[in-house]
Amino acid sequence: MGFKCGIIGLPNVGKSTLFNVLTKSCIPAKNFMFCTIKPNIGFAPVYDDRLQKISEIISPKKIVHTFIELVDVAGLVQGASTGYGLGNQFLSDIRKTDAIFHVIRCFIDDNIPHINNVIQPIDDIETINLELMLSDLSICTKILLLINKKHNKTVYDIKKINILENCCRCLNDHMLLTHLNLNSEEIKLIDEYNFLTLKPMLYIANISQCNGNNVYLNELLQFSVYNNISVIPICILDKYNTSELNLIIEKGYNLLNLRTFFTVGKNEVRSWAIQKNSTILEASKKIHTDFYRGFIRAKVIAYKDFIKYKKYSTIQEFGKLRFEGKSYIVQDGDIIHFLFNV
């Protein structure tokens, strides 16, 4: 199972440049519409200070960070939901992702034309949102028609109809589906449809190197409060903005609702990403299917205990080494050694 973040925005806002910086790639990033046609896929490491601290104790031959997958797609334009530009392809690519990074232009540069010839971040966001909502509404309406045609509707069908009708009303009111605050059971019922406006989102404000008092950024910050979406301002052209770049990845990690566990050995110390509330059996499959098929139990040490006591003998002496079965819910920072037999 992969964890994907899609990078979206209007043409010429810095999407592909951001993708290059985060994934250390060299894809074309030119100042003309639809420079990106096919989606670009890359992997961004998730840096974790805990991995370094564990390595200082173990001194392994290799340190391996977990990662998230990034998908850079073609710029979206008005009419994309009906196929204009590269709209249908764009929306199809984004549906396959789990969260969205929305890059918004908050800088002035006469050498980089804006598609609408004027910089208005809120209008840009609303252009994108409208296309996402129209696409979701089209799918939602078609699904409702199909379910309503069924002669013998199950309880499951009735529940789904109620949720989808709420979704249609929300979209017709020009609101993202995230405004419905659906519970986990409701989301599970419609999860298969991959609604774009249900995906968690992060705004990335692309600012100039000499930012000063940026009126565009100020507008965006005010807008984001109402929509409850975080904003990270960054000059994407400045490749040395390491703290902001790491923050983007960290935010993406949180949007995907991921947690980290570690495996530790002399050859390798490694961090692994897993969905929150996953069992230790599910965690074993991340490493190797043999671990999953032959799972017996696992030795588990909390990160804070490992850092405090350092030596396995001391950890065991103070009762901080636990044996856990397949139903154990992995906690963020767990250091795990899997016992298996195939």
C-alpha atoms as a PDB file:
ATOM      1  CA  MET A   1       0.000   0.000   0.000  1.00  0.00           C
ATOM      2  CA  GLY A   2       1.369   3.368  -0.998  1.00  0.00           C
ATOM      3  CA  PHE A   3       0.766   6.744   0.613  1.00  0.00           C
ATOM      4  CA  LYS A   4       0.285   9.352  -2.114  1.00  0.00           C
ATOM      5  CA  CYS A   5       0.041  13.137  -2.091  1.00  0.00           C
ATOM      6  CA  GLY A   6      -1.021  14.851  -5.310  1.00  0.00           C
ATOM      7  CA  ILE A   7       0.394  18.279  -6.212  1.00  0.00           C
ATOM      8  CA  ILE A   8      -2.238  20.486  -7.873  1.00  0.00           C
ATOM      9  CA  GLY A   9      -2.708  24.107  -8.914  1.00  0.00           C
ATOM     10  CA  LEU A  10      -3.168  26.367 -11.917  1.00  0.00           C
ATOM     11  CA  PRO A  11      -0.486  26.303 -14.656  1.00  0.00           C
ATOM     12  CA  ASN A  12       2.766  28.182 -13.902  1.00  0.00           C
ATOM     13  CA  VAL A  13       2.409  28.315 -10.100  1.00  0.00           C
ATOM     14  CA  GLY A  14       5.468  26.183  -9.261  1.00  0.00           C
ATOM     15  CA  LYS A  15       4.051  22.658  -8.951  1.00  0.00           C
ATOM     16  CA  SER A  16       6.763  20.874 -10.917  1.00  0.00           C
ATOM     17  CA  THR A  17       9.519  22.945  -9.295  1.00  0.00           C
ATOM     18  CA  LEU A  18       8.203  21.929  -5.864  1.00  0.00           C
ATOM     19  CA  PHE A  19       8.081  18.307  -6.999  1.00  0.00           C
ATOM     20  CA  ASN A  20      11.711  18.513  -8.156  1.00  0.00           C
ATOM     21  CA  VAL A  21      12.905  20.036  -4.883  1.00  0.00           C
ATOM     22  CA  LEU A  22      11.047  17.568  -2.648  1.00  0.00           C
ATOM     23  CA  THR A  23      11.964  14.443  -4.623  1.00  0.00           C
ATOM     24  CA  LYS A  24      15.372  15.612  -5.895  1.00  0.00           C
ATOM     25  CA  SER A  25      14.176  15.050  -9.469  1.00  0.00           C
ATOM     26  CA  CYS A  26      14.898  16.967 -12.676  1.00  0.00           C
ATOM     27  CA  ILE A  27      11.606  16.949 -14.558  1.00  0.00           C
ATOM     28  CA  PRO A  28      10.936  19.897 -16.933  1.00  0.00           C
ATOM     29  CA  ALA A  29       9.470  22.949 -15.173  1.00  0.00           C
ATOM     30  CA  LYS A  30       8.812  25.557 -17.861  1.00  0.00           C
ATOM     31  CA  ASN A  31       6.759  28.756 -17.946  1.00  0.00           C
ATOM     32  CA  PHE A  32       4.085  27.606 -20.373  1.00  0.00           C
ATOM     33  CA  MET A  33       0.757  25.842 -20.002  1.00  0.00           C
ATOM     34  CA  PHE A  34       0.724  22.056 -19.765  1.00  0.00           C
ATOM     35  CA  CYS A  35       4.482  21.653 -19.529  1.00  0.00           C
ATOM     36  CA  THR A  36       3.476  18.611 -17.468  1.00  0.00           C
ATOM     37  CA  ILE A  37       1.244  16.215 -19.420  1.00  0.00           C
ATOM     38  CA  LYS A  38       1.763  12.768 -17.954  1.00  0.00           C
ATOM     39  CA  PRO A  39       1.893  12.649 -14.146  1.00  0.00           C
ATOM     40  CA  ASN A  40       5.358  12.687 -12.604  1.00  0.00           C
ATOM     41  CA  ILE A  41       5.861  10.298  -9.700  1.00  0.00           C
ATOM     42  CA  GLY A  42       8.618  10.564  -7.103  1.00  0.00           C
ATOM     43  CA  PHE A  43       9.393   9.813  -3.479  1.00  0.00           C
ATOM     44  CA  ALA A  44      10.185  12.288  -0.723  1.00  0.00           C
ATOM     45  CA  PRO A  45      11.998  11.089   2.412  1.00  0.00           C
ATOM     46  CA  VAL A  46      10.360  11.830   5.761  1.00  0.00           C
ATOM     47  CA  TYR A  47      13.150  13.003   8.036  1.00  0.00           C
ATOM     48  CA  ASP A  48      12.693  12.033  11.685  1.00  0.00           C
ATOM     49  CA  ASP A  49      15.063  13.162  14.443  1.00  0.00           C
ATOM     50  CA  ARG A  50      14.279   9.982  16.360  1.00  0.00           C
ATOM     51  CA  LEU A  51      15.909   7.881  13.652  1.00  0.00           C
ATOM     52  CA  GLN A  52      19.152   9.810  14.076  1.00  0.00           C
ATOM     53  CA  LYS A  53      19.080   9.435  17.871  1.00  0.00           C
ATOM     54  CA  ILE A  54      18.504   5.687  17.613  1.00  0.00           C
ATOM     55  CA  SER A  55      21.394   5.457  15.145  1.00  0.00           C
ATOM     56  CA  GLU A  56      23.721   7.263  17.550  1.00  0.00           C
ATOM     57  CA  ILE A  57      23.165   4.407  20.010  1.00  0.00           C
ATOM     58  CA  ILE A  58      23.267   1.509  17.518  1.00  0.00           C
ATOM     59  CA  SER A  59      25.871   2.832  15.013  1.00  0.00           C
ATOM     60  CA  PRO A  60      24.358   0.938  12.049  1.00  0.00           C
ATOM     61  CA  LYS A  61      25.937   0.578   8.625  1.00  0.00           C
ATOM     62  CA  LYS A  62      22.916   2.218   7.017  1.00  0.00           C
ATOM     63  CA  ILE A  63      20.082   4.611   7.943  1.00  0.00           C
ATOM     64  CA  VAL A  64      16.886   4.437   5.866  1.00  0.00           C
ATOM     65  CA  HIS A  65      14.080   6.994   6.124  1.00  0.00           C
ATOM     66  CA  THR A  66      10.481   6.214   5.289  1.00  0.00           C
ATOM     67  CA  PHE A  67       8.924   8.219   2.451  1.00  0.00           C
ATOM     68  CA  ILE A  68       5.719   9.467   0.917  1.00  0.00           C
ATOM     69  CA  GLU A  69       4.899   9.245  -2.779  1.00  0.00           C
ATOM     70  CA  LEU A  70       4.300  12.516  -4.625  1.00  0.00           C
ATOM     71  CA  VAL A  71       2.337  12.858  -7.870  1.00  0.00           C
ATOM     72  CA  ASP A  72       2.787  16.030  -9.954  1.00  0.00           C
ATOM     73  CA  VAL A  73      -0.024  16.460 -12.462  1.00  0.00           C
ATOM     74  CA  ALA A  74      -0.936  18.848 -15.270  1.00  0.00           C
ATOM     75  CA  GLY A  75      -2.129  22.332 -14.340  1.00  0.00           C
ATOM     76  CA  LEU A  76      -5.869  22.639 -13.897  1.00  0.00           C
ATOM     77  CA  VAL A  77      -7.852  25.282 -15.783  1.00  0.00           C
ATOM     78  CA  GLN A  78     -11.465  26.413 -15.792  1.00  0.00           C
ATOM     79  CA  GLY A  79     -13.618  23.806 -17.534  1.00  0.00           C
ATOM     80  CA  ALA A  80     -11.402  20.875 -16.520  1.00  0.00           C
ATOM     81  CA  SER A  81     -14.367  19.000 -15.019  1.00  0.00           C
ATOM     82  CA  THR A  82     -15.880  18.812 -18.525  1.00  0.00           C
ATOM     83  CA  GLY A  83     -12.586  17.811 -20.143  1.00  0.00           C
ATOM     84  CA  TYR A  84     -11.115  21.188 -21.124  1.00  0.00           C
ATOM     85  CA  GLY A  85      -7.319  21.324 -21.244  1.00  0.00           C
ATOM     86  CA  LEU A  86      -6.025  18.135 -19.667  1.00  0.00           C
ATOM     87  CA  GLY A  87      -8.894  18.129 -17.181  1.00  0.00           C
ATOM     88  CA  ASN A  88     -10.144  14.547 -17.381  1.00  0.00           C
ATOM     89  CA  GLN A  89      -6.645  13.133 -17.149  1.00  0.00           C
ATOM     90  CA  PHE A  90      -5.747  15.523 -14.340  1.00  0.00           C
ATOM     91  CA  LEU A  91      -8.782  14.612 -12.245  1.00  0.00           C
ATOM     92  CA  SER A  92      -8.272  10.899 -12.827  1.00  0.00           C
ATOM     93  CA  ASP A  93      -4.668  11.144 -11.624  1.00  0.00           C
ATOM     94  CA  ILE A  94      -5.664  13.087  -8.506  1.00  0.00           C
ATOM     95  CA  ARG A  95      -8.412  10.614  -7.580  1.00  0.00           C
ATOM     96  CA  LYS A  96      -5.727   7.987  -7.087  1.00  0.00           C
ATOM     97  CA  THR A  97      -4.001  10.041  -4.371  1.00  0.00           C
ATOM     98  CA  ASP A  98      -4.768  10.117  -0.642  1.00  0.00           C
ATOM     99  CA  ALA A  99      -4.131  13.811   0.080  1.00  0.00           C
ATOM    100  CA  ILE A 100      -3.594  17.031  -1.871  1.00  0.00           C
ATOM    101  CA  PHE A 101      -0.905  19.728  -1.874  1.00  0.00           C
ATOM    102  CA  HIS A 102      -2.485  22.795  -3.519  1.00  0.00           C
ATOM    103  CA  VAL A 103       0.224  25.190  -4.764  1.00  0.00           C
ATOM    104  CA  ILE A 104      -0.950  28.809  -4.961  1.00  0.00           C
ATOM    105  CA  ARG A 105       0.890  31.700  -6.591  1.00  0.00           C
ATOM    106  CA  CYS A 106       1.602  34.538  -4.144  1.00  0.00           C
ATOM    107  CA  PHE A 107       4.498  36.197  -6.002  1.00  0.00           C
ATOM    108  CA  ILE A 108       4.947  38.791  -8.755  1.00  0.00           C
ATOM    109  CA  ASP A 109       7.197  38.002 -11.726  1.00  0.00           C
ATOM    110  CA  ASP A 110       6.637  39.606 -15.133  1.00  0.00           C
ATOM    111  CA  ASN A 111       8.624  36.789 -16.746  1.00  0.00           C
ATOM    112  CA  ILE A 112       6.087  34.204 -15.567  1.00  0.00           C
ATOM    113  CA  PRO A 113       2.633  35.021 -16.960  1.00  0.00           C
ATOM    114  CA  HIS A 114      -0.432  34.233 -14.881  1.00  0.00           C
ATOM    115  CA  ILE A 115      -3.065  32.292 -16.800  1.00  0.00           C
ATOM    116  CA  ASN A 116      -5.647  35.006 -15.964  1.00  0.00           C
ATOM    117  CA  ASN A 117      -3.141  37.887 -16.258  1.00  0.00           C
ATOM    118  CA  VAL A 118      -3.777  38.905 -12.644  1.00  0.00           C
ATOM    119  CA  ILE A 119      -2.594  37.484  -9.324  1.00  0.00           C
ATOM    120  CA  GLN A 120      -5.601  36.730  -7.122  1.00  0.00           C
ATOM    121  CA  PRO A 121      -4.919  33.721  -4.873  1.00  0.00           C
ATOM    122  CA  ILE A 122      -8.495  33.345  -3.623  1.00  0.00           C
ATOM    123  CA  ASP A 123      -9.900  33.397  -7.162  1.00  0.00           C
ATOM    124  CA  ASP A 124      -7.292  30.809  -8.145  1.00  0.00           C
ATOM    125  CA  ILE A 125      -8.340  28.538  -5.275  1.00  0.00           C
ATOM    126  CA  GLU A 126     -12.015  28.935  -6.111  1.00  0.00           C
ATOM    127  CA  THR A 127     -11.320  28.078  -9.764  1.00  0.00           C
ATOM    128  CA  ILE A 128      -9.661  24.837  -8.709  1.00  0.00           C
ATOM    129  CA  ASN A 129     -12.270  24.049  -6.047  1.00  0.00           C
ATOM    130  CA  LEU A 130     -15.132  24.582  -8.473  1.00  0.00           C
ATOM    131  CA  GLU A 131     -13.682  22.067 -10.924  1.00  0.00           C
ATOM    132  CA  LEU A 132     -13.126  19.538  -8.136  1.00  0.00           C
ATOM    133  CA  MET A 133     -16.681  20.044  -6.860  1.00  0.00           C
ATOM    134  CA  LEU A 134     -18.257  19.783 -10.324  1.00  0.00           C
ATOM    135  CA  SER A 135     -16.367  16.569 -10.996  1.00  0.00           C
ATOM    136  CA  ASP A 136     -17.468  15.103  -7.649  1.00  0.00           C
ATOM    137  CA  LEU A 137     -21.055  16.213  -8.253  1.00  0.00           C
ATOM    138  CA  SER A 138     -21.121  14.474 -11.631  1.00  0.00           C
ATOM    139  CA  ILE A 139     -19.914  11.209 -10.102  1.00  0.00           C
ATOM    140  CA  CYS A 140     -22.186  11.528  -7.071  1.00  0.00           C
ATOM    141  CA  THR A 141     -25.261  12.090  -9.258  1.00  0.00           C
ATOM    142  CA  LYS A 142     -24.490   9.084 -11.469  1.00  0.00           C
ATOM    143  CA  ILE A 143     -23.996   6.798  -8.469  1.00  0.00           C
ATOM    144  CA  LEU A 144     -27.288   7.921  -6.928  1.00  0.00           C
ATOM    145  CA  LEU A 145     -29.129   7.182 -10.167  1.00  0.00           C
ATOM    146  CA  LEU A 146     -27.666   3.669 -10.314  1.00  0.00           C
ATOM    147  CA  ILE A 147     -28.510   2.842  -6.696  1.00  0.00           C
ATOM    148  CA  ASN A 148     -32.021   4.267  -6.943  1.00  0.00           C
ATOM    149  CA  LYS A 149     -32.712   2.017  -9.945  1.00  0.00           C
ATOM    150  CA  LYS A 150     -32.212  -1.084  -7.797  1.00  0.00           C
ATOM    151  CA  HIS A 151     -35.509  -2.834  -6.988  1.00  0.00           C
ATOM    152  CA  ASN A 152     -34.435  -4.530  -3.772  1.00  0.00           C
ATOM    153  CA  LYS A 153     -32.415  -1.990  -1.841  1.00  0.00           C
ATOM    154  CA  THR A 154     -30.472  -3.207   1.183  1.00  0.00           C
ATOM    155  CA  VAL A 155     -29.980  -1.334   4.452  1.00  0.00           C
ATOM    156  CA  TYR A 156     -26.487  -0.653   3.138  1.00  0.00           C
ATOM    157  CA  ASP A 157     -27.969   0.940  -0.013  1.00  0.00           C
ATOM    158  CA  ILE A 158     -30.328   3.160   2.000  1.00  0.00           C
ATOM    159  CA  LYS A 159     -27.473   4.414   4.173  1.00  0.00           C
ATOM    160  CA  LYS A 160     -25.389   5.116   1.102  1.00  0.00           C
ATOM    161  CA  ILE A 161     -28.246   7.002  -0.590  1.00  0.00           C
ATOM    162  CA  ASN A 162     -28.664   9.253   2.455  1.00  0.00           C
ATOM    163  CA  ILE A 163     -24.962  10.090   2.526  1.00  0.00           C
ATOM    164  CA  LEU A 164     -24.749  10.688  -1.228  1.00  0.00           C
ATOM    165  CA  GLU A 165     -27.800  12.951  -1.161  1.00  0.00           C
ATOM    166  CA  ASN A 166     -26.098  15.011   1.552  1.00  0.00           C
ATOM    167  CA  CYS A 167     -22.979  15.114  -0.610  1.00  0.00           C
ATOM    168  CA  CYS A 168     -24.954  16.364  -3.616  1.00  0.00           C
ATOM    169  CA  ARG A 169     -26.576  19.110  -1.553  1.00  0.00           C
ATOM    170  CA  CYS A 170     -23.193  20.159  -0.200  1.00  0.00           C
ATOM    171  CA  LEU A 171     -21.609  20.281  -3.665  1.00  0.00           C
ATOM    172  CA  ASN A 172     -24.585  22.142  -5.139  1.00  0.00           C
ATOM    173  CA  ASP A 173     -24.051  24.748  -2.417  1.00  0.00           C
ATOM    174  CA  HIS A 174     -20.448  25.126  -3.676  1.00  0.00           C
ATOM    175  CA  MET A 175     -18.909  23.613  -0.554  1.00  0.00           C
ATOM    176  CA  LEU A 176     -16.166  20.999  -0.325  1.00  0.00           C
ATOM    177  CA  LEU A 177     -17.308  17.632   1.024  1.00  0.00           C
ATOM    178  CA  THR A 178     -14.933  18.047   3.960  1.00  0.00           C
ATOM    179  CA  HIS A 179     -17.439  20.620   5.300  1.00  0.00           C
ATOM    180  CA  LEU A 180     -19.876  17.753   5.986  1.00  0.00           C
ATOM    181  CA  ASN A 181     -17.619  16.394   8.751  1.00  0.00           C
ATOM    182  CA  LEU A 182     -18.605  12.819   7.915  1.00  0.00           C
ATOM    183  CA  ASN A 183     -17.786  10.219  10.554  1.00  0.00           C
ATOM    184  CA  SER A 184     -15.546   7.214   9.862  1.00  0.00           C
ATOM    185  CA  GLU A 185     -18.494   4.890   9.172  1.00  0.00           C
ATOM    186  CA  GLU A 186     -20.000   7.306   6.641  1.00  0.00           C
ATOM    187  CA  ILE A 187     -16.658   7.830   4.916  1.00  0.00           C
ATOM    188  CA  LYS A 188     -16.136   4.076   4.689  1.00  0.00           C
ATOM    189  CA  LEU A 189     -19.477   3.697   2.868  1.00  0.00           C
ATOM    190  CA  ILE A 190     -18.434   6.084   0.065  1.00  0.00           C
ATOM    191  CA  ASP A 191     -14.661   5.654   0.182  1.00  0.00           C
ATOM    192  CA  GLU A 192     -14.613   3.608  -3.036  1.00  0.00           C
ATOM    193  CA  TYR A 193     -15.639   6.671  -5.075  1.00  0.00           C
ATOM    194  CA  ASN A 194     -12.488   8.646  -4.220  1.00  0.00           C
ATOM    195  CA  PHE A 195     -14.239  12.000  -4.028  1.00  0.00           C
ATOM    196  CA  LEU A 196     -11.714  14.767  -4.654  1.00  0.00           C
ATOM    197  CA  THR A 197     -13.196  17.231  -2.174  1.00  0.00           C
ATOM    198  CA  LEU A 198     -13.089  14.673   0.654  1.00  0.00           C
ATOM    199  CA  LYS A 199      -9.320  14.406   0.462  1.00  0.00           C
ATOM    200  CA  PRO A 200      -7.309  16.242   3.138  1.00  0.00           C
ATOM    201  CA  MET A 201      -5.571  19.312   1.713  1.00  0.00           C
ATOM    202  CA  LEU A 202      -2.624  21.604   2.401  1.00  0.00           C
ATOM    203  CA  TYR A 203      -2.150  25.046   0.828  1.00  0.00           C
ATOM    204  CA  ILE A 204       1.426  25.808  -0.253  1.00  0.00           C
ATOM    205  CA  ALA A 205       1.886  29.545  -0.868  1.00  0.00           C
ATOM    206  CA  ASN A 206       4.663  30.100  -3.409  1.00  0.00           C
ATOM    207  CA  ILE A 207       6.194  33.455  -2.419  1.00  0.00           C
ATOM    208  CA  SER A 208       9.130  35.489  -3.745  1.00  0.00           C
ATOM    209  CA  GLN A 209      12.566  35.443  -2.111  1.00  0.00           C
ATOM    210  CA  CYS A 210      12.164  39.080  -1.027  1.00  0.00           C
ATOM    211  CA  ASN A 211       8.766  38.548   0.509  1.00  0.00           C
ATOM    212  CA  GLY A 212       8.271  41.568   2.807  1.00  0.00           C
ATOM    213  CA  ASN A 213       4.615  42.355   3.476  1.00  0.00           C
ATOM    214  CA  ASN A 214       2.948  39.973   1.034  1.00  0.00           C
ATOM    215  CA  VAL A 215      -0.680  41.043   0.551  1.00  0.00           C
ATOM    216  CA  TYR A 216      -1.429  37.873  -1.434  1.00  0.00           C
ATOM    217  CA  LEU A 217      -0.185  35.683   1.399  1.00  0.00           C
ATOM    218  CA  ASN A 218      -2.196  37.676   3.940  1.00  0.00           C
ATOM    219  CA  GLU A 219      -5.361  37.131   1.879  1.00  0.00           C
ATOM    220  CA  LEU A 220      -4.646  33.422   1.677  1.00  0.00           C
ATOM    221  CA  LEU A 221      -4.030  33.101   5.415  1.00  0.00           C
ATOM    222  CA  GLN A 222      -7.382  34.726   6.185  1.00  0.00           C
ATOM    223  CA  PHE A 223      -9.165  32.502   3.658  1.00  0.00           C
ATOM    224  CA  SER A 224      -7.541  29.352   5.042  1.00  0.00           C
ATOM    225  CA  VAL A 225      -8.841  29.988   8.565  1.00  0.00           C
ATOM    226  CA  TYR A 226     -12.449  29.795   7.358  1.00  0.00           C
ATOM    227  CA  ASN A 227     -11.746  26.583   5.429  1.00  0.00           C
ATOM    228  CA  ASN A 228      -9.665  25.049   8.229  1.00  0.00           C
ATOM    229  CA  ILE A 229      -6.778  24.277   5.858  1.00  0.00           C
ATOM    230  CA  SER A 230      -3.167  24.846   6.875  1.00  0.00           C
ATOM    231  CA  VAL A 231      -0.876  27.125   4.840  1.00  0.00           C
ATOM    232  CA  ILE A 232       2.886  26.804   4.405  1.00  0.00           C
ATOM    233  CA  PRO A 233       4.553  29.857   2.780  1.00  0.00           C
ATOM    234  CA  ILE A 234       7.732  29.017   0.892  1.00  0.00           C
ATOM    235  CA  CYS A 235       9.847  30.375  -1.935  1.00  0.00           C
ATOM    236  CA  ILE A 236       9.939  27.197  -4.006  1.00  0.00           C
ATOM    237  CA  LEU A 237      12.869  28.481  -6.099  1.00  0.00           C
ATOM    238  CA  ASP A 238      15.001  28.652  -2.943  1.00  0.00           C
ATOM    239  CA  LYS A 239      16.207  25.071  -2.661  1.00  0.00           C
ATOM    240  CA  TYR A 240      17.846  25.796   0.692  1.00  0.00           C
ATOM    241  CA  ASN A 241      14.540  26.321   2.524  1.00  0.00           C
ATOM    242  CA  THR A 242      15.090  22.986   4.249  1.00  0.00           C
ATOM    243  CA  SER A 243      12.941  23.705   7.308  1.00  0.00           C
ATOM    244  CA  GLU A 244       9.926  24.676   5.160  1.00  0.00           C
ATOM    245  CA  LEU A 245      10.470  21.747   2.802  1.00  0.00           C
ATOM    246  CA  ASN A 246      10.634  19.319   5.713  1.00  0.00           C
ATOM    247  CA  LEU A 247       7.503  20.924   7.154  1.00  0.00           C
ATOM    248  CA  ILE A 248       5.626  20.290   3.899  1.00  0.00           C
ATOM    249  CA  ILE A 249       6.523  16.597   4.043  1.00  0.00           C
ATOM    250  CA  GLU A 250       5.695  16.431   7.745  1.00  0.00           C
ATOM    251  CA  LYS A 251       2.287  18.025   7.086  1.00  0.00           C
ATOM    252  CA  GLY A 252       1.696  15.574   4.242  1.00  0.00           C
ATOM    253  CA  TYR A 253       2.561  12.710   6.578  1.00  0.00           C
ATOM    254  CA  ASN A 254      -0.011  13.987   9.070  1.00  0.00           C
ATOM    255  CA  LEU A 255      -2.645  14.556   6.368  1.00  0.00           C
ATOM    256  CA  LEU A 256      -2.255  10.912   5.413  1.00  0.00           C
ATOM    257  CA  ASN A 257      -2.831   9.998   9.078  1.00  0.00           C
ATOM    258  CA  LEU A 258       0.425   8.056   9.272  1.00  0.00           C
ATOM    259  CA  ARG A 259       2.448   6.866  12.232  1.00  0.00           C
ATOM    260  CA  THR A 260       6.072   5.711  12.398  1.00  0.00           C
ATOM    261  CA  PHE A 261       7.660   2.570  13.789  1.00  0.00           C
ATOM    262  CA  PHE A 262      11.316   1.570  13.681  1.00  0.00           C
ATOM    263  CA  THR A 263      13.333  -1.566  13.032  1.00  0.00           C
ATOM    264  CA  VAL A 264      16.798  -1.631  14.526  1.00  0.00           C
ATOM    265  CA  GLY A 265      19.912  -3.672  13.773  1.00  0.00           C
ATOM    266  CA  LYS A 266      23.648  -3.341  13.217  1.00  0.00           C
ATOM    267  CA  ASN A 267      23.209  -3.455   9.448  1.00  0.00           C
ATOM    268  CA  GLU A 268      20.300  -1.031   9.250  1.00  0.00           C
ATOM    269  CA  VAL A 269      18.151   1.316  11.307  1.00  0.00           C
ATOM    270  CA  ARG A 270      14.953   2.135   9.462  1.00  0.00           C
ATOM    271  CA  SER A 271      11.711   4.050   9.883  1.00  0.00           C
ATOM    272  CA  TRP A 272       8.449   2.718   8.452  1.00  0.00           C
ATOM    273  CA  ALA A 273       5.144   4.468   7.750  1.00  0.00           C
ATOM    274  CA  ILE A 274       1.881   2.834   8.739  1.00  0.00           C
ATOM    275  CA  GLN A 275      -1.715   3.998   8.988  1.00  0.00           C
ATOM    276  CA  LYS A 276      -2.823   5.122  12.441  1.00  0.00           C
ATOM    277  CA  ASN A 277      -4.501   2.328  14.467  1.00  0.00           C
ATOM    278  CA  SER A 278      -2.835  -0.432  12.424  1.00  0.00           C
ATOM    279  CA  THR A 279      -2.115  -3.742  14.129  1.00  0.00           C
ATOM    280  CA  ILE A 280       1.366  -5.134  14.546  1.00  0.00           C
ATOM    281  CA  LEU A 281       0.398  -7.903  12.106  1.00  0.00           C
ATOM    282  CA  GLU A 282      -0.344  -5.254   9.456  1.00  0.00           C
ATOM    283  CA  ALA A 283       2.984  -3.602  10.292  1.00  0.00           C
ATOM    284  CA  SER A 284       4.821  -6.878   9.674  1.00  0.00           C
ATOM    285  CA  LYS A 285       3.480  -6.993   6.114  1.00  0.00           C
ATOM    286  CA  LYS A 286       5.097  -3.605   5.402  1.00  0.00           C
ATOM    287  CA  ILE A 287       8.494  -5.227   5.856  1.00  0.00           C
ATOM    288  CA  HIS A 288       7.992  -8.599   4.171  1.00  0.00           C
ATOM    289  CA  THR A 289       5.101 -10.929   3.396  1.00  0.00           C
ATOM    290  CA  ASP A 290       7.006 -13.753   5.153  1.00  0.00           C
ATOM    291  CA  PHE A 291       6.822 -11.754   8.390  1.00  0.00           C
ATOM    292  CA  TYR A 292       3.067 -11.519   7.893  1.00  0.00           C
ATOM    293  CA  ARG A 293       2.458 -15.151   6.899  1.00  0.00           C
ATOM    294  CA  GLY A 294       4.633 -16.625   9.632  1.00  0.00           C
ATOM    295  CA  PHE A 295       3.995 -14.071  12.380  1.00  0.00           C
ATOM    296  CA  ILE A 296       4.428 -15.496  15.890  1.00  0.00           C
ATOM    297  CA  ARG A 297       4.771 -12.417  18.074  1.00  0.00           C
ATOM    298  CA  ALA A 298       6.918  -9.292  18.304  1.00  0.00           C
ATOM    299  CA  LYS A 299       9.300  -7.682  20.764  1.00  0.00           C
ATOM    300  CA  VAL A 300       8.343  -4.042  21.307  1.00  0.00           C
ATOM    301  CA  ILE A 301      10.209  -1.182  22.997  1.00  0.00           C
ATOM    302  CA  ALA A 302       8.838   2.352  23.256  1.00  0.00           C
ATOM    303  CA  TYR A 303      11.156   4.940  21.698  1.00  0.00           C
ATOM    304  CA  LYS A 304      11.494   6.951  24.939  1.00  0.00           C
ATOM    305  CA  ASP A 305      12.539   3.810  26.842  1.00  0.00           C
ATOM    306  CA  PHE A 306      15.110   2.882  24.202  1.00  0.00           C
ATOM    307  CA  ILE A 307      16.668   6.357  24.393  1.00  0.00           C
ATOM    308  CA  LYS A 308      16.601   6.345  28.193  1.00  0.00           C
ATOM    309  CA  TYR A 309      18.145   2.907  28.842  1.00  0.00           C
ATOM    310  CA  LYS A 310      20.118   2.443  25.581  1.00  0.00           C
ATOM    311  CA  LYS A 311      21.209  -1.179  26.189  1.00  0.00           C
ATOM    312  CA  TYR A 312      18.890  -4.131  25.579  1.00  0.00           C
ATOM    313  CA  SER A 313      19.973  -5.749  28.838  1.00  0.00           C
ATOM    314  CA  THR A 314      19.052  -2.623  30.814  1.00  0.00           C
ATOM    315  CA  ILE A 315      15.780  -2.232  28.919  1.00  0.00           C
ATOM    316  CA  GLN A 316      14.862  -5.822  29.801  1.00  0.00           C
ATOM    317  CA  GLU A 317      16.007  -5.406  33.412  1.00  0.00           C
ATOM    318  CA  PHE A 318      13.594  -2.496  33.920  1.00  0.00           C
ATOM    319  CA  GLY A 319      10.726  -4.389  32.270  1.00  0.00           C
ATOM    320  CA  LYS A 320      10.489  -2.139  29.233  1.00  0.00           C
ATOM    321  CA  LEU A 321      10.719  -4.934  26.657  1.00  0.00           C
ATOM    322  CA  ARG A 322       7.261  -6.308  25.821  1.00  0.00           C
ATOM    323  CA  PHE A 323       6.011  -9.254  23.801  1.00  0.00           C
ATOM    324  CA  GLU A 324       2.946  -8.363  21.749  1.00  0.00           C
ATOM    325  CA  GLY A 325       0.520 -10.483  19.728  1.00  0.00           C
ATOM    326  CA  LYS A 326      -1.006  -9.853  16.308  1.00  0.00           C
ATOM    327  CA  SER A 327      -3.871  -7.656  17.591  1.00  0.00           C
ATOM    328  CA  TYR A 328      -1.580  -5.091  19.268  1.00  0.00           C
ATOM    329  CA  ILE A 329      -2.089  -1.553  17.920  1.00  0.00           C
ATOM    330  CA  VAL A 330       1.258  -0.070  16.891  1.00  0.00           C
ATOM    331  CA  GLN A 331       2.084   3.174  18.705  1.00  0.00           C
ATOM    332  CA  ASP A 332       4.027   6.007  17.096  1.00  0.00           C
ATOM    333  CA  GLY A 333       7.726   5.498  17.820  1.00  0.00           C
ATOM    334  CA  ASP A 334       7.564   1.787  18.651  1.00  0.00           C
ATOM    335  CA  ILE A 335      10.793  -0.106  18.037  1.00  0.00           C
ATOM    336  CA  ILE A 336       9.774  -3.557  16.840  1.00  0.00           C
ATOM    337  CA  HIS A 337      11.553  -6.871  16.330  1.00  0.00           C
ATOM    338  CA  PHE A 338       9.317  -9.417  14.599  1.00  0.00           C
ATOM    339  CA  LEU A 339       9.460 -13.130  15.421  1.00  0.00           C
ATOM    340  CA  PHE A 340       8.166 -15.357  12.622  1.00  0.00           C
ATOM    341  CA  ASN A 341       8.398 -18.849  11.174  1.00  0.00           C
ATOM    342  CA  VAL A 342       7.746 -19.759   7.539  1.00  0.00           C
END
